[in-house]
Amino acid sequence: MAYTDDELREVSRRAGVPKGYLQRLLAAEDPDPQDPDGNNVLAKKLTIIFDHHVAKCLASSDPVGALRSAGFTEVADAIAEA
């Protein structure tokens, strides 16, 4: 479903998530000549979701603690050891 810019801005406001994040999720559904059957749409969306949540953790005042609380324990351990 295509959204106008105003509709997307309103959805972003109501959901409390950045408009750019929603735009990336919608773009993951765009036709891809290398994947004409759309078999990789879910993988693309999961990558966007993962990227969004890790970025939120890393931007927090305690990135390692935020990563741990979100379940990214191996990433938190790797950062803590670095």
C-alpha atoms as a PDB file:
ATOM      1  CA  MET A   1       0.000   0.000   0.000  1.00  0.00           C
ATOM      2  CA  ALA A   2       1.416   3.369  -0.995  1.00  0.00           C
ATOM      3  CA  TYR A   3       1.328   6.203   1.508  1.00  0.00           C
ATOM      4  CA  THR A   4       1.516   9.917   0.809  1.00  0.00           C
ATOM      5  CA  ASP A   5       4.165  11.889   2.645  1.00  0.00           C
ATOM      6  CA  ASP A   6       1.522  13.378   4.959  1.00  0.00           C
ATOM      7  CA  GLU A   7       0.038   9.965   5.745  1.00  0.00           C
ATOM      8  CA  LEU A   8       3.458   8.549   6.509  1.00  0.00           C
ATOM      9  CA  ARG A   9       4.286  11.507   8.752  1.00  0.00           C
ATOM     10  CA  GLU A  10       1.007  10.976  10.657  1.00  0.00           C
ATOM     11  CA  VAL A  11       1.642   7.241  11.050  1.00  0.00           C
ATOM     12  CA  SER A  12       5.140   8.036  12.295  1.00  0.00           C
ATOM     13  CA  ARG A  13       3.772  10.497  14.832  1.00  0.00           C
ATOM     14  CA  ARG A  14       1.080   8.111  16.089  1.00  0.00           C
ATOM     15  CA  ALA A  15       3.419   5.107  16.277  1.00  0.00           C
ATOM     16  CA  GLY A  16       6.288   7.058  17.798  1.00  0.00           C
ATOM     17  CA  VAL A  17       8.830   5.740  15.313  1.00  0.00           C
ATOM     18  CA  PRO A  18      10.953   7.781  12.910  1.00  0.00           C
ATOM     19  CA  LYS A  19       9.493   8.428   9.482  1.00  0.00           C
ATOM     20  CA  GLY A  20      12.744   7.277   7.855  1.00  0.00           C
ATOM     21  CA  TYR A  21      12.413   3.904   9.565  1.00  0.00           C
ATOM     22  CA  LEU A  22       8.907   3.463   8.140  1.00  0.00           C
ATOM     23  CA  GLN A  23      10.109   4.556   4.707  1.00  0.00           C
ATOM     24  CA  ARG A  24      12.873   1.934   4.797  1.00  0.00           C
ATOM     25  CA  LEU A  25      10.378  -0.790   5.754  1.00  0.00           C
ATOM     26  CA  LEU A  26       8.097   0.206   2.879  1.00  0.00           C
ATOM     27  CA  ALA A  27      11.037   0.340   0.447  1.00  0.00           C
ATOM     28  CA  ALA A  28      11.921  -3.250   1.360  1.00  0.00           C
ATOM     29  CA  GLU A  29       8.741  -4.278  -0.461  1.00  0.00           C
ATOM     30  CA  ASP A  30       9.704  -2.518  -3.698  1.00  0.00           C
ATOM     31  CA  PRO A  31      10.232  -4.824  -6.661  1.00  0.00           C
ATOM     32  CA  ASP A  32      13.799  -6.058  -6.978  1.00  0.00           C
ATOM     33  CA  PRO A  33      14.977  -7.324 -10.383  1.00  0.00           C
ATOM     34  CA  GLN A  34      17.382  -9.705  -8.633  1.00  0.00           C
ATOM     35  CA  ASP A  35      14.500 -11.126  -6.583  1.00  0.00           C
ATOM     36  CA  PRO A  36      11.453 -11.069  -8.888  1.00  0.00           C
ATOM     37  CA  ASP A  37       9.399 -13.372  -6.625  1.00  0.00           C
ATOM     38  CA  GLY A  38      10.006 -11.227  -3.529  1.00  0.00           C
ATOM     39  CA  ASN A  39      11.587 -14.064  -1.573  1.00  0.00           C
ATOM     40  CA  ASN A  40      13.962 -11.709   0.259  1.00  0.00           C
ATOM     41  CA  VAL A  41      11.417  -9.129   1.466  1.00  0.00           C
ATOM     42  CA  LEU A  42      11.228 -10.626   4.962  1.00  0.00           C
ATOM     43  CA  ALA A  43      15.028 -10.762   5.258  1.00  0.00           C
ATOM     44  CA  LYS A  44      15.269  -7.118   4.181  1.00  0.00           C
ATOM     45  CA  LYS A  45      12.633  -6.062   6.724  1.00  0.00           C
ATOM     46  CA  LEU A  46      14.291  -8.018   9.537  1.00  0.00           C
ATOM     47  CA  THR A  47      17.626  -6.366   8.711  1.00  0.00           C
ATOM     48  CA  ILE A  48      16.002  -2.933   8.929  1.00  0.00           C
ATOM     49  CA  ILE A  49      14.369  -3.802  12.260  1.00  0.00           C
ATOM     50  CA  PHE A  50      17.641  -5.164  13.651  1.00  0.00           C
ATOM     51  CA  ASP A  51      19.537  -2.076  12.486  1.00  0.00           C
ATOM     52  CA  HIS A  52      16.941   0.222  14.084  1.00  0.00           C
ATOM     53  CA  HIS A  53      17.059  -1.490  17.463  1.00  0.00           C
ATOM     54  CA  VAL A  54      20.843  -1.775  17.608  1.00  0.00           C
ATOM     55  CA  ALA A  55      21.169   1.906  16.674  1.00  0.00           C
ATOM     56  CA  LYS A  56      18.775   2.857  19.481  1.00  0.00           C
ATOM     57  CA  CYS A  57      20.841   0.830  21.934  1.00  0.00           C
ATOM     58  CA  LEU A  58      24.124   2.331  20.782  1.00  0.00           C
ATOM     59  CA  ALA A  59      22.711   5.861  21.068  1.00  0.00           C
ATOM     60  CA  SER A  60      21.656   5.380  24.692  1.00  0.00           C
ATOM     61  CA  SER A  61      23.615   6.671  27.680  1.00  0.00           C
ATOM     62  CA  ASP A  62      24.706   3.085  28.495  1.00  0.00           C
ATOM     63  CA  PRO A  63      25.078   1.310  25.135  1.00  0.00           C
ATOM     64  CA  VAL A  64      26.414  -1.950  26.558  1.00  0.00           C
ATOM     65  CA  GLY A  65      23.633  -2.148  29.152  1.00  0.00           C
ATOM     66  CA  ALA A  66      21.002  -1.284  26.543  1.00  0.00           C
ATOM     67  CA  LEU A  67      22.314  -3.998  24.224  1.00  0.00           C
ATOM     68  CA  ARG A  68      22.204  -6.541  27.039  1.00  0.00           C
ATOM     69  CA  SER A  69      18.656  -5.594  28.054  1.00  0.00           C
ATOM     70  CA  ALA A  70      17.523  -5.904  24.419  1.00  0.00           C
ATOM     71  CA  GLY A  71      18.990  -9.409  24.228  1.00  0.00           C
ATOM     72  CA  PHE A  72      22.050  -8.558  22.151  1.00  0.00           C
ATOM     73  CA  THR A  73      24.368 -10.111  24.728  1.00  0.00           C
ATOM     74  CA  GLU A  74      27.106 -11.243  22.359  1.00  0.00           C
ATOM     75  CA  VAL A  75      27.355  -7.778  20.804  1.00  0.00           C
ATOM     76  CA  ALA A  76      27.411  -6.230  24.300  1.00  0.00           C
ATOM     77  CA  ASP A  77      30.199  -8.605  25.359  1.00  0.00           C
ATOM     78  CA  ALA A  78      32.236  -7.809  22.257  1.00  0.00           C
ATOM     79  CA  ILE A  79      31.915  -4.058  22.814  1.00  0.00           C
ATOM     80  CA  ALA A  80      32.696  -4.366  26.517  1.00  0.00           C
ATOM     81  CA  GLU A  81      35.884  -6.308  25.730  1.00  0.00           C
ATOM     82  CA  ALA A  82      37.048  -3.815  23.093  1.00  0.00           C
END
